PDB file of N, CA and C in Angstrom:
ATOM      1  N   SER A   1       0.820  -1.199   0.000  1.00  0.00           N
ATOM      2  CA  SER A   1       0.000   0.000   0.000  1.00  0.00           C
ATOM      3  C   SER A   1       0.862   1.260   0.000  1.00  0.00           C
ATOM      4  N   MET A   2       2.092   1.108   0.502  1.00  0.00           N
ATOM      5  CA  MET A   2       2.982   2.257   0.600  1.00  0.00           C
ATOM      6  C   MET A   2       3.403   2.775  -0.782  1.00  0.00           C
ATOM      7  N   PHE A   3       3.469   1.887  -1.750  1.00  0.00           N
ATOM      8  CA  PHE A   3       3.945   2.272  -3.073  1.00  0.00           C
ATOM      9  C   PHE A   3       2.803   2.531  -4.064  1.00  0.00           C
ATOM     10  N   GLU A   4       1.561   2.373  -3.608  1.00  0.00           N
ATOM     11  CA  GLU A   4       0.420   2.608  -4.496  1.00  0.00           C
ATOM     12  C   GLU A   4       0.364   4.041  -5.038  1.00  0.00           C
ATOM     13  N   PRO A   5       0.624   5.063  -4.202  1.00  0.00           N
ATOM     14  CA  PRO A   5       0.608   6.427  -4.765  1.00  0.00           C
ATOM     15  C   PRO A   5       1.609   6.616  -5.900  1.00  0.00           C
ATOM     16  N   LEU A   6       2.768   5.984  -5.787  1.00  0.00           N
ATOM     17  CA  LEU A   6       3.751   6.089  -6.872  1.00  0.00           C
ATOM     18  C   LEU A   6       3.230   5.418  -8.141  1.00  0.00           C
ATOM     19  N   LYS A   7       2.628   4.243  -7.969  1.00  0.00           N
ATOM     20  CA  LYS A   7       2.078   3.537  -9.127  1.00  0.00           C
ATOM     21  C   LYS A   7       0.955   4.348  -9.767  1.00  0.00           C
ATOM     22  N   GLU A   8       0.124   4.974  -8.926  1.00  0.00           N
ATOM     23  CA  GLU A   8      -0.970   5.793  -9.453  1.00  0.00           C
ATOM     24  C   GLU A   8      -0.435   7.014 -10.192  1.00  0.00           C
ATOM     25  N   THR A   9       0.644   7.593  -9.685  1.00  0.00           N
ATOM     26  CA  THR A   9       1.244   8.753 -10.345  1.00  0.00           C
ATOM     27  C   THR A   9       1.807   8.371 -11.705  1.00  0.00           C
ATOM     28  N   VAL A  10       2.462   7.221 -11.775  1.00  0.00           N
ATOM     29  CA  VAL A  10       3.001   6.749 -13.054  1.00  0.00           C
ATOM     30  C   VAL A  10       1.857   6.478 -14.025  1.00  0.00           C
ATOM     31  N   ALA A  11       0.768   5.892 -13.529  1.00  0.00           N
ATOM     32  CA  ALA A  11      -0.391   5.623 -14.392  1.00  0.00           C
ATOM     33  C   ALA A  11      -1.015   6.928 -14.872  1.00  0.00           C
ATOM     34  N   LEU A  12      -1.106   7.926 -14.001  1.00  0.00           N
ATOM     35  CA  LEU A  12      -1.666   9.220 -14.388  1.00  0.00           C
ATOM     36  C   LEU A  12      -0.798   9.886 -15.446  1.00  0.00           C
ATOM     37  N   LEU A  13       0.507   9.862 -15.241  1.00  0.00           N
ATOM     38  CA  LEU A  13       1.407  10.437 -16.250  1.00  0.00           C
ATOM     39  C   LEU A  13       1.253   9.718 -17.582  1.00  0.00           C
ATOM     40  N   SER A  14       1.032   8.418 -17.509  1.00  0.00           N
ATOM     41  CA  SER A  14       0.860   7.625 -18.727  1.00  0.00           C
ATOM     42  C   SER A  14      -0.393   8.062 -19.491  1.00  0.00           C
ATOM     43  N   THR A  15      -1.458   8.402 -18.762  1.00  0.00           N
ATOM     44  CA  THR A  15      -2.684   8.838 -19.433  1.00  0.00           C
ATOM     45  C   THR A  15      -2.477  10.163 -20.163  1.00  0.00           C
ATOM     46  N   TYR A  16      -1.501  10.952 -19.713  1.00  0.00           N
ATOM     47  CA  TYR A  16      -1.203  12.222 -20.363  1.00  0.00           C
ATOM     48  C   TYR A  16      -0.068  12.102 -21.379  1.00  0.00           C
ATOM     49  N   GLY A  17       0.302  10.858 -21.683  1.00  0.00           N
ATOM     50  CA  GLY A  17       1.294  10.641 -22.725  1.00  0.00           C
ATOM     51  C   GLY A  17       2.737  10.655 -22.259  1.00  0.00           C
ATOM     52  N   GLU A  18       2.950  10.776 -20.977  1.00  0.00           N
ATOM     53  CA  GLU A  18       4.309  10.759 -20.435  1.00  0.00           C
ATOM     54  C   GLU A  18       4.644   9.336 -19.999  1.00  0.00           C
ATOM     55  N   GLU A  19       5.329   8.618 -20.858  1.00  0.00           N
ATOM     56  CA  GLU A  19       5.676   7.231 -20.549  1.00  0.00           C
ATOM     57  C   GLU A  19       6.968   7.168 -19.744  1.00  0.00           C
ATOM     58  N   MET A  20       6.957   6.351 -18.743  1.00  0.00           N
ATOM     59  CA  MET A  20       8.144   6.136 -17.920  1.00  0.00           C
ATOM     60  C   MET A  20       8.961   5.001 -18.528  1.00  0.00           C
ATOM     61  N   PRO A  21      10.267   5.021 -18.313  1.00  0.00           N
ATOM     62  CA  PRO A  21      11.104   3.919 -18.814  1.00  0.00           C
ATOM     63  C   PRO A  21      10.697   2.594 -18.162  1.00  0.00           C
ATOM     64  N   GLU A  22      10.975   1.511 -18.836  1.00  0.00           N
ATOM     65  CA  GLU A  22      10.637   0.178 -18.325  1.00  0.00           C
ATOM     66  C   GLU A  22      11.301  -0.072 -16.971  1.00  0.00           C
ATOM     67  N   GLU A  23      12.461   0.516 -16.774  1.00  0.00           N
ATOM     68  CA  GLU A  23      13.187   0.357 -15.506  1.00  0.00           C
ATOM     69  C   GLU A  23      12.342   0.846 -14.318  1.00  0.00           C
ATOM     70  N   ILE A  24      11.617   1.928 -14.518  1.00  0.00           N
ATOM     71  CA  ILE A  24      10.756   2.473 -13.457  1.00  0.00           C
ATOM     72  C   ILE A  24       9.659   1.474 -13.112  1.00  0.00           C
ATOM     73  N   HIS A  25       9.044   0.882 -14.131  1.00  0.00           N
ATOM     74  CA  HIS A  25       7.975  -0.091 -13.894  1.00  0.00           C
ATOM     75  C   HIS A  25       8.517  -1.319 -13.159  1.00  0.00           C
ATOM     76  N   LEU A  26       9.697  -1.758 -13.527  1.00  0.00           N
ATOM     77  CA  LEU A  26      10.310  -2.902 -12.850  1.00  0.00           C
ATOM     78  C   LEU A  26      10.630  -2.571 -11.394  1.00  0.00           C
ATOM     79  N   GLN A  27      11.138  -1.380 -11.169  1.00  0.00           N
ATOM     80  CA  GLN A  27      11.456  -0.979  -9.795  1.00  0.00           C
ATOM     81  C   GLN A  27      10.200  -0.898  -8.943  1.00  0.00           C
ATOM     82  N   LEU A  28       9.115  -0.395  -9.510  1.00  0.00           N
ATOM     83  CA  LEU A  28       7.861  -0.322  -8.759  1.00  0.00           C
ATOM     84  C   LEU A  28       7.333  -1.707  -8.404  1.00  0.00           C
ATOM     85  N   GLN A  29       7.629  -2.698  -9.220  1.00  0.00           N
ATOM     86  CA  GLN A  29       7.205  -4.057  -8.913  1.00  0.00           C
ATOM     87  C   GLN A  29       8.108  -4.676  -7.847  1.00  0.00           C
ATOM     88  N   GLU A  30       9.393  -4.343  -7.878  1.00  0.00           N
ATOM     89  CA  GLU A  30      10.358  -4.954  -6.967  1.00  0.00           C
ATOM     90  C   GLU A  30      10.447  -4.247  -5.616  1.00  0.00           C
ATOM     91  N   LEU A  31      10.103  -2.972  -5.566  1.00  0.00           N
ATOM     92  CA  LEU A  31      10.260  -2.210  -4.336  1.00  0.00           C
ATOM     93  C   LEU A  31       9.541  -2.809  -3.131  1.00  0.00           C
ATOM     94  N   PRO A  32       8.290  -3.232  -3.244  1.00  0.00           N
ATOM     95  CA  PRO A  32       7.641  -3.802  -2.052  1.00  0.00           C
ATOM     96  C   PRO A  32       8.380  -5.010  -1.479  1.00  0.00           C
ATOM     97  N   GLU A  33       8.921  -5.857  -2.332  1.00  0.00           N
ATOM     98  CA  GLU A  33       9.685  -7.014  -1.864  1.00  0.00           C
ATOM     99  C   GLU A  33      10.963  -6.564  -1.156  1.00  0.00           C
ATOM    100  N   HIS A  34      11.647  -5.595  -1.735  1.00  0.00           N
ATOM    101  CA  HIS A  34      12.875  -5.083  -1.118  1.00  0.00           C
ATOM    102  C   HIS A  34      12.556  -4.418   0.229  1.00  0.00           C
ATOM    103  N   TRP A  35      11.453  -3.702   0.276  1.00  0.00           N
ATOM    104  CA  TRP A  35      11.067  -3.027   1.509  1.00  0.00           C
ATOM    105  C   TRP A  35      10.768  -4.054   2.608  1.00  0.00           C
ATOM    106  N   ASP A  36      10.067  -5.125   2.253  1.00  0.00           N
ATOM    107  CA  ASP A  36       9.777  -6.182   3.227  1.00  0.00           C
ATOM    108  C   ASP A  36      11.075  -6.802   3.737  1.00  0.00           C
ATOM    109  N   GLY A  37      12.018  -7.029   2.848  1.00  0.00           N
ATOM    110  CA  GLY A  37      13.311  -7.574   3.244  1.00  0.00           C
ATOM    111  C   GLY A  37      14.056  -6.638   4.181  1.00  0.00           C
ATOM    112  N   THR A  38      13.974  -5.348   3.915  1.00  0.00           N
ATOM    113  CA  THR A  38      14.629  -4.360   4.763  1.00  0.00           C
ATOM    114  C   THR A  38      14.004  -4.344   6.154  1.00  0.00           C
ATOM    115  N   LYS A  39      12.677  -4.433   6.223  1.00  0.00           N
ATOM    116  CA  LYS A  39      12.004  -4.455   7.524  1.00  0.00           C
ATOM    117  C   LYS A  39      12.382  -5.704   8.309  1.00  0.00           C
ATOM    118  N   LYS A  40      12.464  -6.855   7.632  1.00  0.00           N
ATOM    119  CA  LYS A  40      12.845  -8.095   8.303  1.00  0.00           C
ATOM    120  C   LYS A  40      14.280  -8.008   8.824  1.00  0.00           C
ATOM    121  N   LEU A  41      15.164  -7.430   8.026  1.00  0.00           N
ATOM    122  CA  LEU A  41      16.548  -7.249   8.444  1.00  0.00           C
ATOM    123  C   LEU A  41      16.618  -6.353   9.678  1.00  0.00           C
ATOM    124  N   CYS A  42      15.838  -5.304   9.675  1.00  0.00           N
ATOM    125  CA  CYS A  42      15.801  -4.379  10.806  1.00  0.00           C
ATOM    126  C   CYS A  42      15.372  -5.111  12.080  1.00  0.00           C
ATOM    127  N   LEU A  43      14.366  -5.950  11.980  1.00  0.00           N
ATOM    128  CA  LEU A  43      13.908  -6.709  13.147  1.00  0.00           C
ATOM    129  C   LEU A  43      14.980  -7.673  13.645  1.00  0.00           C
ATOM    130  N   ARG A  44      15.674  -8.335  12.721  1.00  0.00           N
ATOM    131  CA  ARG A  44      16.742  -9.260  13.127  1.00  0.00           C
ATOM    132  C   ARG A  44      17.868  -8.521  13.848  1.00  0.00           C
ATOM    133  N   VAL A  45      18.246  -7.368  13.325  1.00  0.00           N
ATOM    134  CA  VAL A  45      19.303  -6.584  13.947  1.00  0.00           C
ATOM    135  C   VAL A  45      18.853  -6.110  15.332  1.00  0.00           C
ATOM    136  N   LYS A  46      17.619  -5.675  15.415  1.00  0.00           N
ATOM    137  CA  LYS A  46      17.080  -5.212  16.699  1.00  0.00           C
ATOM    138  C   LYS A  46      17.095  -6.341  17.728  1.00  0.00           C
ATOM    139  N   GLN A  47      16.704  -7.537  17.295  1.00  0.00           N
ATOM    140  CA  GLN A  47      16.690  -8.682  18.201  1.00  0.00           C
ATOM    141  C   GLN A  47      18.101  -9.077  18.623  1.00  0.00           C
ATOM    142  N   SER A  48      19.049  -8.985  17.724  1.00  0.00           N
ATOM    143  CA  SER A  48      20.414  -9.358  18.086  1.00  0.00           C
ATOM    144  C   SER A  48      21.085  -8.281  18.943  1.00  0.00           C
ATOM    145  N   ALA A  49      20.646  -7.048  18.831  1.00  0.00           N
ATOM    146  CA  ALA A  49      21.225  -5.965  19.622  1.00  0.00           C
ATOM    147  C   ALA A  49      20.603  -5.876  21.010  1.00  0.00           C
ATOM    148  N   ALA A  50      19.418  -6.407  21.198  1.00  0.00           N
ATOM    149  CA  ALA A  50      18.715  -6.294  22.484  1.00  0.00           C
ATOM    150  C   ALA A  50      19.532  -6.849  23.652  1.00  0.00           C
ATOM    151  N   PRO A  51      20.115  -8.039  23.539  1.00  0.00           N
ATOM    152  CA  PRO A  51      20.924  -8.526  24.674  1.00  0.00           C
ATOM    153  C   PRO A  51      22.130  -7.638  24.966  1.00  0.00           C
ATOM    154  N   LEU A  52      22.737  -7.103  23.937  1.00  0.00           N
ATOM    155  CA  LEU A  52      23.881  -6.205  24.135  1.00  0.00           C
ATOM    156  C   LEU A  52      23.458  -4.933  24.857  1.00  0.00           C
ATOM    157  N   GLN A  53      22.295  -4.406  24.477  1.00  0.00           N
ATOM    158  CA  GLN A  53      21.780  -3.207  25.135  1.00  0.00           C
ATOM    159  C   GLN A  53      21.450  -3.502  26.595  1.00  0.00           C
ATOM    160  N   ALA A  54      20.840  -4.650  26.853  1.00  0.00           N
ATOM    161  CA  ALA A  54      20.493  -5.032  28.221  1.00  0.00           C
ATOM    162  C   ALA A  54      21.763  -5.161  29.066  1.00  0.00           C
ATOM    163  N   ASN A  55      22.804  -5.715  28.490  1.00  0.00           N
ATOM    164  CA  ASN A  55      24.076  -5.843  29.194  1.00  0.00           C
ATOM    165  C   ASN A  55      24.652  -4.471  29.541  1.00  0.00           C
ATOM    166  N   GLU A  56      24.597  -3.549  28.601  1.00  0.00           N
ATOM    167  CA  GLU A  56      25.088  -2.198  28.849  1.00  0.00           C
ATOM    168  C   GLU A  56      24.264  -1.503  29.935  1.00  0.00           C
ATOM    169  N   VAL A  57      22.967  -1.714  29.922  1.00  0.00           N
ATOM    170  CA  VAL A  57      22.100  -1.141  30.951  1.00  0.00           C
ATOM    171  C   VAL A  57      22.529  -1.644  32.320  1.00  0.00           C
ATOM    172  N   ASN A  58      22.792  -2.941  32.421  1.00  0.00           N
ATOM    173  CA  ASN A  58      23.229  -3.502  33.703  1.00  0.00           C
ATOM    174  C   ASN A  58      24.575  -2.928  34.149  1.00  0.00           C
ATOM    175  N   ILE A  59      25.488  -2.738  33.222  1.00  0.00           N
ATOM    176  CA  ILE A  59      26.791  -2.153  33.552  1.00  0.00           C
ATOM    177  C   ILE A  59      26.617  -0.733  34.081  1.00  0.00           C
ATOM    178  N   ILE A  60      25.777   0.051  33.408  1.00  0.00           N
ATOM    179  CA  ILE A  60      25.540   1.440  33.829  1.00  0.00           C
ATOM    180  C   ILE A  60      24.872   1.469  35.198  1.00  0.00           C
ATOM    181  N   ARG A  61      23.908   0.592  35.427  1.00  0.00           N
ATOM    182  CA  ARG A  61      23.235   0.533  36.736  1.00  0.00           C
ATOM    183  C   ARG A  61      24.235   0.213  37.846  1.00  0.00           C
ATOM    184  N   LYS A  62      25.127  -0.727  37.593  1.00  0.00           N
ATOM    185  CA  LYS A  62      26.123  -1.097  38.599  1.00  0.00           C
ATOM    186  C   LYS A  62      27.050   0.074  38.892  1.00  0.00           C
ATOM    187  N   LYS A  63      27.425   0.839  37.852  1.00  0.00           N
ATOM    188  CA  LYS A  63      28.285   1.984  38.035  1.00  0.00           C
ATOM    189  C   LYS A  63      27.584   3.083  38.849  1.00  0.00           C
ATOM    190  N   CYS A  64      26.286   3.220  38.631  1.00  0.00           N
ATOM    191  CA  CYS A  64      25.522   4.248  39.339  1.00  0.00           C
ATOM    192  C   CYS A  64      25.309   3.896  40.805  1.00  0.00           C
ATOM    193  N   GLN A  65      25.296   2.630  41.115  1.00  0.00           N
ATOM    194  CA  GLN A  65      25.087   2.209  42.504  1.00  0.00           C
ATOM    195  C   GLN A  65      26.381   2.320  43.207  1.00  0.00           C
TER     196      GLN A  65
END
C-alpha cells in the first residue's frame, strides 16, 4: 500500500502521454519485496542488539550504585 501512490502517479502520467522507462515499472514491482526484506533485516538486527543493550544497561546501573 505504501507504493500505491507512486504507481498511481506513473499511471496518471501515462494517461497524459508521459511514458516512464521500463526500468521504473520494474522498480515499482520490486520495491515492495525489497522493503519487506529491509524491515525483516531491521527486526533481526534489533533482536540481536537487544541482549547487548540489556548488558550495557546492567553495567551502567552497577556503576551508578
